[in-house]
Amino acid sequence: MNLARIPVRAWFAMLALGCFGLVAFGMALQEMLRLSPCPLCIFQRLLYLLVGVLAVAGFILPMARRLWVGVIGLLALLGASVAAYQSWMQFFPDPANECSFTDPNLIERIVDWLGMQMPSLFLATGFCSSKEWVFLGLSMANWSVAIFLGIAAYVALLARRRA
């Protein structure tokens, strides 16, 4: 299949649907399995939503493709970094490094504020070092690293497309 033949709007639409689908899947897992998301999980959820919203903007205004691709790429790399940090916390659990045990950092303050505004979507009740859900030997944070890196690669392909 020739990727150059796929319209730019379709690339953005697929990215938006994928991100919103990931958030819906995560929320469904949270409800069905009674998982307790931590502040880093909620921040990653927020980043998926932001990427989805920017992808919708790219669908609506494909002329600004480079802007959308750049911002989405930065958000994807930020998400991969946050998920990698959470994965590190899960591999080497230490109560001193645990979220919510020290003064709240910027991410925790954002998540706390969002949790007060929309608790069903953003309320963080878990610990960052716990692995509550594992699939194929990887925790949700490990999967999130791979997905965010996949999003970064996806938008890199989109950036290389000719207008």
N, C-alpha and C. Protein backbone atom coordinates (compact mmCIF):
# COMPACT_ATOMS: atom_id res chain seq x y z
N MET A 1 0.83 -1.17 0.00
CA MET A 1 0.00 0.00 0.00
C MET A 1 0.88 1.24 0.00
N ASN A 2 0.55 2.18 -0.81
CA ASN A 2 1.30 3.42 -0.93
C ASN A 2 0.78 4.43 0.09
N LEU A 3 1.59 4.73 1.11
CA LEU A 3 1.16 5.64 2.17
C LEU A 3 0.97 7.06 1.67
N ALA A 4 1.64 7.41 0.58
CA ALA A 4 1.51 8.76 0.03
C ALA A 4 0.12 9.03 -0.53
N ARG A 5 -0.63 7.98 -0.80
CA ARG A 5 -1.96 8.16 -1.37
C ARG A 5 -3.03 8.40 -0.30
N ILE A 6 -2.68 8.15 0.95
CA ILE A 6 -3.65 8.36 2.03
C ILE A 6 -3.72 9.86 2.32
N PRO A 7 -4.91 10.44 2.30
CA PRO A 7 -5.03 11.89 2.56
C PRO A 7 -4.58 12.25 3.98
N VAL A 8 -4.04 13.45 4.12
CA VAL A 8 -3.56 13.93 5.42
C VAL A 8 -4.69 13.89 6.45
N ARG A 9 -5.88 14.26 6.03
CA ARG A 9 -7.02 14.26 6.96
C ARG A 9 -7.29 12.86 7.50
N ALA A 10 -7.10 11.85 6.69
CA ALA A 10 -7.31 10.47 7.15
C ALA A 10 -6.27 10.09 8.20
N TRP A 11 -5.04 10.54 8.03
CA TRP A 11 -3.99 10.27 9.03
C TRP A 11 -4.39 10.87 10.37
N PHE A 12 -4.84 12.13 10.34
CA PHE A 12 -5.23 12.79 11.58
C PHE A 12 -6.47 12.13 12.19
N ALA A 13 -7.42 11.73 11.35
CA ALA A 13 -8.63 11.08 11.86
C ALA A 13 -8.30 9.76 12.54
N MET A 14 -7.41 8.98 11.92
CA MET A 14 -7.03 7.70 12.53
C MET A 14 -6.31 7.91 13.86
N LEU A 15 -5.47 8.93 13.93
CA LEU A 15 -4.76 9.22 15.18
C LEU A 15 -5.75 9.65 16.26
N ALA A 16 -6.70 10.50 15.92
CA ALA A 16 -7.69 10.95 16.91
C ALA A 16 -8.52 9.77 17.40
N LEU A 17 -9.00 8.95 16.49
CA LEU A 17 -9.80 7.78 16.89
C LEU A 17 -8.99 6.83 17.75
N GLY A 18 -7.73 6.63 17.40
CA GLY A 18 -6.87 5.76 18.20
C GLY A 18 -6.67 6.28 19.61
N CYS A 19 -6.41 7.57 19.75
CA CYS A 19 -6.18 8.15 21.08
C CYS A 19 -7.45 8.13 21.92
N PHE A 20 -8.58 8.51 21.33
CA PHE A 20 -9.83 8.49 22.09
C PHE A 20 -10.22 7.05 22.43
N GLY A 21 -9.91 6.12 21.53
CA GLY A 21 -10.17 4.71 21.81
C GLY A 21 -9.32 4.19 22.95
N LEU A 22 -8.06 4.61 23.01
CA LEU A 22 -7.19 4.21 24.11
C LEU A 22 -7.71 4.71 25.45
N VAL A 23 -8.17 5.95 25.48
CA VAL A 23 -8.72 6.50 26.73
C VAL A 23 -9.98 5.73 27.12
N ALA A 24 -10.85 5.46 26.16
CA ALA A 24 -12.07 4.70 26.46
C ALA A 24 -11.73 3.29 26.95
N PHE A 25 -10.75 2.65 26.32
CA PHE A 25 -10.33 1.31 26.74
C PHE A 25 -9.77 1.35 28.16
N GLY A 26 -8.94 2.34 28.45
CA GLY A 26 -8.37 2.48 29.79
C GLY A 26 -9.43 2.70 30.84
N MET A 27 -10.42 3.53 30.52
CA MET A 27 -11.49 3.78 31.48
C MET A 27 -12.37 2.54 31.67
N ALA A 28 -12.59 1.80 30.59
CA ALA A 28 -13.37 0.56 30.71
C ALA A 28 -12.63 -0.46 31.57
N LEU A 29 -11.32 -0.60 31.34
CA LEU A 29 -10.53 -1.50 32.19
C LEU A 29 -10.57 -1.06 33.65
N GLN A 30 -10.48 0.24 33.86
CA GLN A 30 -10.51 0.77 35.22
C GLN A 30 -11.82 0.38 35.92
N GLU A 31 -12.93 0.50 35.22
CA GLU A 31 -14.22 0.18 35.81
C GLU A 31 -14.42 -1.32 35.97
N MET A 32 -14.11 -2.09 34.93
CA MET A 32 -14.36 -3.54 34.98
C MET A 32 -13.47 -4.25 35.98
N LEU A 33 -12.20 -3.85 36.05
CA LEU A 33 -11.24 -4.54 36.92
C LEU A 33 -11.00 -3.80 38.23
N ARG A 34 -11.74 -2.71 38.44
CA ARG A 34 -11.60 -1.92 39.67
C ARG A 34 -10.15 -1.47 39.89
N LEU A 35 -9.54 -0.95 38.84
CA LEU A 35 -8.17 -0.46 38.93
C LEU A 35 -8.16 0.94 39.54
N SER A 36 -7.08 1.27 40.22
CA SER A 36 -6.92 2.59 40.83
C SER A 36 -5.81 3.33 40.09
N PRO A 37 -6.15 4.28 39.21
CA PRO A 37 -5.11 4.99 38.47
C PRO A 37 -4.34 5.94 39.38
N CYS A 38 -3.06 6.05 39.11
CA CYS A 38 -2.18 6.94 39.88
C CYS A 38 -2.09 8.30 39.17
N PRO A 39 -1.45 9.29 39.80
CA PRO A 39 -1.31 10.59 39.13
C PRO A 39 -0.60 10.52 37.78
N LEU A 40 0.42 9.66 37.65
CA LEU A 40 1.10 9.56 36.35
C LEU A 40 0.21 8.91 35.30
N CYS A 41 -0.61 7.93 35.72
CA CYS A 41 -1.57 7.32 34.78
C CYS A 41 -2.56 8.36 34.27
N ILE A 42 -3.07 9.17 35.19
CA ILE A 42 -4.04 10.19 34.82
C ILE A 42 -3.39 11.24 33.91
N PHE A 43 -2.14 11.59 34.18
CA PHE A 43 -1.45 12.56 33.32
C PHE A 43 -1.27 11.98 31.92
N GLN A 44 -0.96 10.69 31.82
CA GLN A 44 -0.85 10.06 30.50
C GLN A 44 -2.20 10.06 29.80
N ARG A 45 -3.27 9.82 30.55
CA ARG A 45 -4.62 9.88 29.98
C ARG A 45 -4.88 11.28 29.42
N LEU A 46 -4.49 12.30 30.17
CA LEU A 46 -4.64 13.68 29.71
C LEU A 46 -3.86 13.92 28.42
N LEU A 47 -2.64 13.38 28.34
CA LEU A 47 -1.83 13.56 27.13
C LEU A 47 -2.47 12.86 25.93
N TYR A 48 -3.04 11.65 26.14
CA TYR A 48 -3.75 10.98 25.04
C TYR A 48 -4.92 11.84 24.56
N LEU A 49 -5.65 12.44 25.51
CA LEU A 49 -6.77 13.30 25.12
C LEU A 49 -6.29 14.53 24.36
N LEU A 50 -5.20 15.13 24.82
CA LEU A 50 -4.65 16.30 24.12
C LEU A 50 -4.20 15.95 22.71
N VAL A 51 -3.53 14.81 22.56
CA VAL A 51 -3.11 14.37 21.23
C VAL A 51 -4.34 14.15 20.35
N GLY A 52 -5.39 13.53 20.91
CA GLY A 52 -6.62 13.31 20.15
C GLY A 52 -7.26 14.61 19.72
N VAL A 53 -7.33 15.59 20.62
CA VAL A 53 -7.92 16.89 20.28
C VAL A 53 -7.10 17.59 19.20
N LEU A 54 -5.77 17.54 19.32
CA LEU A 54 -4.92 18.17 18.30
C LEU A 54 -5.04 17.44 16.96
N ALA A 55 -5.25 16.13 17.01
CA ALA A 55 -5.45 15.39 15.76
C ALA A 55 -6.77 15.79 15.11
N VAL A 56 -7.80 16.04 15.92
CA VAL A 56 -9.06 16.55 15.37
C VAL A 56 -8.83 17.92 14.74
N ALA A 57 -8.03 18.76 15.41
CA ALA A 57 -7.69 20.07 14.84
C ALA A 57 -6.96 19.89 13.51
N GLY A 58 -6.07 18.90 13.44
CA GLY A 58 -5.37 18.62 12.19
C GLY A 58 -6.31 18.13 11.11
N PHE A 59 -7.34 17.40 11.50
CA PHE A 59 -8.35 16.94 10.55
C PHE A 59 -9.14 18.13 10.00
N ILE A 60 -9.47 19.06 10.89
CA ILE A 60 -10.26 20.23 10.48
C ILE A 60 -9.42 21.22 9.67
N LEU A 61 -8.18 21.43 10.11
CA LEU A 61 -7.28 22.40 9.45
C LEU A 61 -6.00 21.70 8.99
N PRO A 62 -6.08 20.90 7.94
CA PRO A 62 -4.88 20.17 7.51
C PRO A 62 -3.79 21.08 6.92
N MET A 63 -4.12 22.34 6.64
CA MET A 63 -3.11 23.25 6.08
C MET A 63 -2.00 23.52 7.10
N ALA A 64 -2.32 23.45 8.39
CA ALA A 64 -1.34 23.70 9.45
C ALA A 64 -0.73 22.38 9.93
N ARG A 65 -0.57 21.45 9.00
CA ARG A 65 -0.09 20.11 9.33
C ARG A 65 1.21 20.13 10.12
N ARG A 66 2.15 20.93 9.72
CA ARG A 66 3.46 20.95 10.40
C ARG A 66 3.32 21.40 11.86
N LEU A 67 2.46 22.36 12.12
CA LEU A 67 2.23 22.80 13.50
C LEU A 67 1.65 21.66 14.33
N TRP A 68 0.59 21.01 13.81
CA TRP A 68 -0.05 19.93 14.56
C TRP A 68 0.92 18.78 14.78
N VAL A 69 1.67 18.43 13.75
CA VAL A 69 2.63 17.32 13.85
C VAL A 69 3.70 17.64 14.89
N GLY A 70 4.19 18.87 14.90
CA GLY A 70 5.22 19.26 15.86
C GLY A 70 4.73 19.18 17.30
N VAL A 71 3.55 19.74 17.55
CA VAL A 71 3.03 19.74 18.92
C VAL A 71 2.66 18.32 19.35
N ILE A 72 2.04 17.55 18.46
CA ILE A 72 1.69 16.17 18.80
C ILE A 72 2.96 15.36 19.06
N GLY A 73 3.99 15.56 18.25
CA GLY A 73 5.25 14.86 18.47
C GLY A 73 5.86 15.17 19.82
N LEU A 74 5.84 16.44 20.21
CA LEU A 74 6.36 16.82 21.53
C LEU A 74 5.53 16.20 22.66
N LEU A 75 4.21 16.22 22.51
CA LEU A 75 3.35 15.60 23.53
C LEU A 75 3.59 14.09 23.61
N ALA A 76 3.80 13.46 22.46
CA ALA A 76 4.07 12.01 22.46
C ALA A 76 5.38 11.70 23.16
N LEU A 77 6.39 12.52 22.93
CA LEU A 77 7.68 12.30 23.61
C LEU A 77 7.56 12.58 25.11
N LEU A 78 6.78 13.59 25.48
CA LEU A 78 6.53 13.85 26.90
C LEU A 78 5.80 12.66 27.52
N GLY A 79 4.80 12.14 26.83
CA GLY A 79 4.07 10.98 27.33
C GLY A 79 4.95 9.76 27.48
N ALA A 80 5.83 9.53 26.51
CA ALA A 80 6.76 8.40 26.60
C ALA A 80 7.69 8.58 27.79
N SER A 81 8.12 9.80 28.04
CA SER A 81 9.01 10.07 29.18
C SER A 81 8.29 9.82 30.50
N VAL A 82 7.06 10.29 30.62
CA VAL A 82 6.29 10.08 31.85
C VAL A 82 6.03 8.60 32.06
N ALA A 83 5.65 7.90 31.00
CA ALA A 83 5.38 6.46 31.11
C ALA A 83 6.66 5.69 31.43
N ALA A 84 7.79 6.11 30.87
CA ALA A 84 9.07 5.45 31.17
C ALA A 84 9.45 5.68 32.63
N TYR A 85 9.20 6.88 33.15
CA TYR A 85 9.47 7.16 34.56
C TYR A 85 8.59 6.28 35.45
N GLN A 86 7.32 6.14 35.08
CA GLN A 86 6.44 5.27 35.86
C GLN A 86 6.89 3.82 35.77
N SER A 87 7.34 3.39 34.60
CA SER A 87 7.85 2.02 34.45
C SER A 87 9.07 1.82 35.34
N TRP A 88 9.94 2.83 35.40
CA TRP A 88 11.11 2.75 36.27
C TRP A 88 10.68 2.61 37.72
N MET A 89 9.66 3.39 38.12
CA MET A 89 9.15 3.30 39.49
C MET A 89 8.57 1.91 39.77
N GLN A 90 8.00 1.27 38.77
CA GLN A 90 7.45 -0.07 38.95
C GLN A 90 8.55 -1.12 39.02
N PHE A 91 9.62 -0.93 38.26
CA PHE A 91 10.73 -1.89 38.29
C PHE A 91 11.53 -1.78 39.59
N PHE A 92 11.66 -0.57 40.11
CA PHE A 92 12.44 -0.32 41.33
C PHE A 92 11.58 0.44 42.34
N PRO A 93 10.59 -0.24 42.94
CA PRO A 93 9.70 0.47 43.86
C PRO A 93 10.45 0.93 45.11
N ASP A 94 10.22 2.17 45.47
CA ASP A 94 10.82 2.76 46.66
C ASP A 94 9.80 3.77 47.21
N PRO A 95 9.35 3.57 48.44
CA PRO A 95 8.34 4.49 48.98
C PRO A 95 8.77 5.96 48.95
N ALA A 96 10.07 6.21 49.01
CA ALA A 96 10.53 7.61 48.98
C ALA A 96 10.27 8.27 47.63
N ASN A 97 10.21 7.48 46.56
CA ASN A 97 9.98 8.03 45.22
C ASN A 97 8.50 8.03 44.84
N GLU A 98 7.67 7.45 45.66
CA GLU A 98 6.25 7.28 45.32
C GLU A 98 5.55 8.62 45.14
N CYS A 99 4.66 8.67 44.16
CA CYS A 99 3.82 9.86 43.99
C CYS A 99 2.99 10.05 45.25
N SER A 100 2.69 11.26 45.59
CA SER A 100 1.83 11.64 46.70
C SER A 100 2.47 11.50 48.07
N PHE A 101 3.71 11.02 48.17
CA PHE A 101 4.37 10.91 49.47
C PHE A 101 5.22 12.14 49.78
N THR A 102 5.42 12.99 48.80
CA THR A 102 6.22 14.20 48.98
C THR A 102 5.35 15.40 48.62
N ASP A 103 5.95 16.57 48.62
CA ASP A 103 5.20 17.74 48.17
C ASP A 103 4.79 17.53 46.71
N PRO A 104 3.56 17.90 46.35
CA PRO A 104 3.11 17.66 44.98
C PRO A 104 3.91 18.46 43.96
N ASN A 105 4.29 17.77 42.89
CA ASN A 105 4.97 18.46 41.79
C ASN A 105 3.91 19.01 40.82
N LEU A 106 4.36 19.58 39.72
CA LEU A 106 3.44 20.21 38.78
C LEU A 106 2.44 19.20 38.22
N ILE A 107 2.91 18.01 37.85
CA ILE A 107 2.02 16.99 37.29
C ILE A 107 0.95 16.63 38.31
N GLU A 108 1.35 16.41 39.56
CA GLU A 108 0.38 16.03 40.59
C GLU A 108 -0.62 17.15 40.86
N ARG A 109 -0.18 18.40 40.81
CA ARG A 109 -1.10 19.53 41.00
C ARG A 109 -2.12 19.60 39.87
N ILE A 110 -1.65 19.41 38.64
CA ILE A 110 -2.57 19.42 37.49
C ILE A 110 -3.59 18.29 37.64
N VAL A 111 -3.11 17.10 37.98
CA VAL A 111 -4.00 15.94 38.12
C VAL A 111 -4.99 16.16 39.26
N ASP A 112 -4.53 16.70 40.39
CA ASP A 112 -5.43 16.97 41.51
C ASP A 112 -6.53 17.95 41.11
N TRP A 113 -6.14 19.02 40.41
CA TRP A 113 -7.13 20.01 39.98
C TRP A 113 -8.13 19.38 39.01
N LEU A 114 -7.63 18.63 38.04
CA LEU A 114 -8.53 17.97 37.08
C LEU A 114 -9.44 16.96 37.78
N GLY A 115 -8.88 16.26 38.78
CA GLY A 115 -9.68 15.29 39.54
C GLY A 115 -10.82 15.94 40.28
N MET A 116 -10.63 17.19 40.72
CA MET A 116 -11.72 17.91 41.39
C MET A 116 -12.77 18.38 40.37
N GLN A 117 -12.34 18.67 39.15
CA GLN A 117 -13.26 19.17 38.12
C GLN A 117 -14.07 18.03 37.49
N MET A 118 -13.39 16.94 37.16
CA MET A 118 -14.04 15.80 36.49
C MET A 118 -13.54 14.50 37.12
N PRO A 119 -14.07 14.12 38.29
CA PRO A 119 -13.54 12.95 38.98
C PRO A 119 -13.69 11.64 38.21
N SER A 120 -14.74 11.49 37.41
CA SER A 120 -14.92 10.23 36.70
C SER A 120 -13.82 9.99 35.67
N LEU A 121 -13.18 11.05 35.20
CA LEU A 121 -12.15 10.94 34.18
C LEU A 121 -10.74 11.12 34.72
N PHE A 122 -10.58 11.95 35.75
CA PHE A 122 -9.24 12.34 36.17
C PHE A 122 -8.90 12.10 37.64
N LEU A 123 -9.73 11.42 38.40
CA LEU A 123 -9.43 11.23 39.82
C LEU A 123 -8.35 10.16 40.00
N ALA A 124 -7.26 10.53 40.64
CA ALA A 124 -6.13 9.61 40.88
C ALA A 124 -6.23 9.06 42.30
N THR A 125 -6.32 7.73 42.41
CA THR A 125 -6.44 7.11 43.73
C THR A 125 -5.40 6.03 43.98
N GLY A 126 -4.56 5.75 43.01
CA GLY A 126 -3.60 4.64 43.13
C GLY A 126 -2.18 5.10 43.39
N PHE A 127 -1.30 4.12 43.46
CA PHE A 127 0.13 4.37 43.67
C PHE A 127 0.87 4.11 42.36
N CYS A 128 1.83 4.96 42.06
CA CYS A 128 2.54 4.90 40.78
C CYS A 128 3.41 3.65 40.65
N SER A 129 3.86 3.08 41.75
CA SER A 129 4.77 1.93 41.66
C SER A 129 4.03 0.60 41.60
N SER A 130 2.70 0.61 41.72
CA SER A 130 1.97 -0.67 41.69
C SER A 130 1.64 -1.07 40.25
N LYS A 131 1.73 -2.36 40.00
CA LYS A 131 1.37 -2.92 38.69
C LYS A 131 0.04 -3.63 38.86
N GLU A 132 -1.04 -2.92 38.67
CA GLU A 132 -2.35 -3.52 38.88
C GLU A 132 -2.82 -4.33 37.68
N TRP A 133 -2.32 -4.02 36.50
CA TRP A 133 -2.75 -4.70 35.29
C TRP A 133 -1.52 -5.04 34.46
N VAL A 134 -1.39 -6.32 34.12
CA VAL A 134 -0.26 -6.78 33.32
C VAL A 134 -0.81 -7.60 32.16
N PHE A 135 -0.34 -7.32 30.95
CA PHE A 135 -0.74 -8.07 29.76
C PHE A 135 0.51 -8.42 28.99
N LEU A 136 0.68 -9.69 28.71
CA LEU A 136 1.87 -10.21 28.01
C LEU A 136 3.16 -9.80 28.72
N GLY A 137 3.11 -9.77 30.03
CA GLY A 137 4.29 -9.46 30.83
C GLY A 137 4.61 -7.98 30.96
N LEU A 138 3.79 -7.12 30.38
CA LEU A 138 4.04 -5.67 30.43
C LEU A 138 2.91 -4.97 31.19
N SER A 139 3.30 -4.02 32.03
CA SER A 139 2.30 -3.24 32.77
C SER A 139 1.69 -2.20 31.83
N MET A 140 0.65 -1.56 32.32
CA MET A 140 0.01 -0.52 31.51
C MET A 140 0.99 0.61 31.20
N ALA A 141 1.87 0.94 32.14
CA ALA A 141 2.87 1.98 31.90
C ALA A 141 3.84 1.55 30.80
N ASN A 142 4.23 0.27 30.79
CA ASN A 142 5.12 -0.23 29.73
C ASN A 142 4.45 -0.13 28.37
N TRP A 143 3.17 -0.51 28.31
CA TRP A 143 2.43 -0.41 27.06
C TRP A 143 2.32 1.06 26.62
N SER A 144 2.15 1.93 27.59
CA SER A 144 2.01 3.35 27.27
C SER A 144 3.30 3.92 26.67
N VAL A 145 4.45 3.46 27.16
CA VAL A 145 5.73 3.89 26.55
C VAL A 145 5.73 3.52 25.07
N ALA A 146 5.38 2.26 24.78
CA ALA A 146 5.38 1.79 23.39
C ALA A 146 4.38 2.56 22.54
N ILE A 147 3.20 2.82 23.09
CA ILE A 147 2.17 3.52 22.32
C ILE A 147 2.57 4.97 22.05
N PHE A 148 3.10 5.65 23.06
CA PHE A 148 3.53 7.03 22.83
C PHE A 148 4.68 7.09 21.82
N LEU A 149 5.60 6.14 21.87
CA LEU A 149 6.67 6.11 20.87
C LEU A 149 6.10 5.80 19.49
N GLY A 150 5.07 4.95 19.44
CA GLY A 150 4.38 4.68 18.18
C GLY A 150 3.71 5.92 17.62
N ILE A 151 3.11 6.72 18.49
CA ILE A 151 2.50 7.98 18.05
C ILE A 151 3.57 8.92 17.50
N ALA A 152 4.72 8.98 18.18
CA ALA A 152 5.81 9.84 17.71
C ALA A 152 6.29 9.38 16.33
N ALA A 153 6.41 8.08 16.12
CA ALA A 153 6.82 7.56 14.81
C ALA A 153 5.75 7.85 13.76
N TYR A 154 4.49 7.72 14.14
CA TYR A 154 3.37 7.98 13.24
C TYR A 154 3.39 9.42 12.75
N VAL A 155 3.57 10.37 13.68
CA VAL A 155 3.59 11.77 13.25
C VAL A 155 4.88 12.11 12.51
N ALA A 156 5.96 11.37 12.77
CA ALA A 156 7.18 11.57 11.99
C ALA A 156 6.94 11.18 10.54
N LEU A 157 6.21 10.09 10.33
CA LEU A 157 5.83 9.70 8.96
C LEU A 157 4.93 10.76 8.33
N LEU A 158 4.02 11.27 9.13
CA LEU A 158 3.11 12.30 8.63
C LEU A 158 3.87 13.58 8.28
N ALA A 159 4.89 13.90 9.05
CA ALA A 159 5.70 15.10 8.77
C ALA A 159 6.49 14.96 7.47
N ARG A 160 6.87 13.75 7.14
CA ARG A 160 7.68 13.52 5.93
C ARG A 160 6.84 13.53 4.66
N ARG A 161 5.52 13.48 4.80
CA ARG A 161 4.66 13.47 3.62
C ARG A 161 4.76 14.79 2.88
N ARG A 162 4.63 14.72 1.60
CA ARG A 162 4.60 15.93 0.79
C ARG A 162 3.20 16.54 0.89
N ALA A 163 3.16 17.84 0.84
CA ALA A 163 1.87 18.55 0.96
C ALA A 163 0.98 18.28 -0.24
